[in-house]
């Protein structure tokens, strides 16, 4: 079994209204010095009956076809065997 951890974040330059709302809320709660908040997605995938090199290609395909909007988002992943 292979465990993949996928991290999806907005590309630099893309506005993040959720991040701004969280930043504002943190400041209103007294947490000063937070200059930028960016939110993203974290996804865990368990893959069975697949070799590592095939898993890398399959995960990349999943990210590009469904998990990430590659126009505005970047992704990276880690694989644990």
Protein backbone atom coordinates (compact mmCIF):
# COMPACT_ATOMS: atom_id res chain seq x y z
CA UNK A 1 0.00 0.00 0.00
CA UNK A 2 1.16 3.52 -0.79
CA UNK A 3 0.08 6.62 1.11
CA UNK A 4 0.17 9.90 -0.78
CA UNK A 5 -0.11 13.28 0.90
CA UNK A 6 -1.22 15.98 -1.54
CA UNK A 7 -0.83 19.69 -0.77
CA UNK A 8 -2.72 22.19 -2.93
CA UNK A 9 -2.17 25.94 -2.64
CA UNK A 10 -3.13 29.00 -4.60
CA UNK A 11 -0.49 30.25 -7.00
CA UNK A 12 1.39 33.42 -6.10
CA UNK A 13 -0.55 36.47 -7.23
CA UNK A 14 -3.98 34.82 -6.91
CA UNK A 15 -6.17 36.63 -4.39
CA UNK A 16 -7.16 34.57 -1.34
CA UNK A 17 -10.27 36.10 0.27
CA UNK A 18 -10.55 33.24 2.78
CA UNK A 19 -6.96 33.82 3.83
CA UNK A 20 -7.64 37.54 4.29
CA UNK A 21 -10.71 36.77 6.42
CA UNK A 22 -8.69 34.43 8.64
CA UNK A 23 -5.90 37.01 8.92
CA UNK A 24 -8.41 39.68 9.96
CA UNK A 25 -9.99 37.32 12.52
CA UNK A 26 -6.60 36.46 14.01
CA UNK A 27 -5.79 40.15 14.34
CA UNK A 28 -9.15 40.84 16.01
CA UNK A 29 -8.39 38.05 18.49
CA UNK A 30 -5.18 39.81 19.43
CA UNK A 31 -2.68 37.84 17.35
CA UNK A 32 -0.50 40.64 15.99
CA UNK A 33 2.27 40.25 13.46
CA UNK A 34 0.48 37.89 11.07
CA UNK A 35 1.29 39.51 7.75
CA UNK A 36 -0.24 37.04 5.31
CA UNK A 37 -2.50 34.00 5.49
CA UNK A 38 -2.98 31.64 2.56
CA UNK A 39 -5.36 28.69 2.76
CA UNK A 40 -5.06 25.47 0.83
CA UNK A 41 -6.15 21.86 0.73
CA UNK A 42 -4.58 18.72 2.17
CA UNK A 43 -5.63 15.35 0.79
CA UNK A 44 -4.52 11.83 1.77
CA UNK A 45 -4.80 9.03 -0.77
CA UNK A 46 -4.20 5.33 -0.12
CA UNK A 47 -3.29 3.37 -3.22
CA UNK A 48 -3.11 -0.41 -3.30
CA UNK A 49 -1.59 -2.85 -5.76
CA UNK A 50 0.60 -0.27 -7.49
CA UNK A 51 4.35 0.29 -7.80
CA UNK A 52 5.85 3.57 -6.62
CA UNK A 53 6.80 4.83 -10.11
CA UNK A 54 3.27 4.12 -11.37
CA UNK A 55 1.78 5.76 -8.26
CA UNK A 56 3.66 9.00 -8.92
CA UNK A 57 2.24 9.22 -12.43
CA UNK A 58 -1.28 8.32 -11.27
CA UNK A 59 -1.25 10.90 -8.45
CA UNK A 60 -0.01 13.59 -10.84
CA UNK A 61 -2.85 12.70 -13.22
CA UNK A 62 -5.41 12.82 -10.38
CA UNK A 63 -4.18 16.25 -9.33
CA UNK A 64 -4.27 17.67 -12.82
CA UNK A 65 -7.64 16.20 -13.77
CA UNK A 66 -9.60 16.65 -10.54
CA UNK A 67 -7.90 17.59 -7.30
CA UNK A 68 -6.26 20.89 -8.29
CA UNK A 69 -7.38 23.69 -10.55
CA UNK A 70 -4.02 24.11 -12.25
CA UNK A 71 -4.98 27.50 -13.66
CA UNK A 72 -4.92 29.06 -10.18
CA UNK A 73 -3.47 26.34 -7.93
CA UNK A 74 -0.13 24.61 -7.47
CA UNK A 75 0.21 21.14 -6.02
CA UNK A 76 2.89 18.90 -4.62
CA UNK A 77 2.76 15.47 -3.09
CA UNK A 78 4.74 13.13 -0.90
CA UNK A 79 4.65 9.35 -1.13
CA UNK A 80 5.11 6.96 1.79
CA UNK A 81 5.49 3.28 1.11
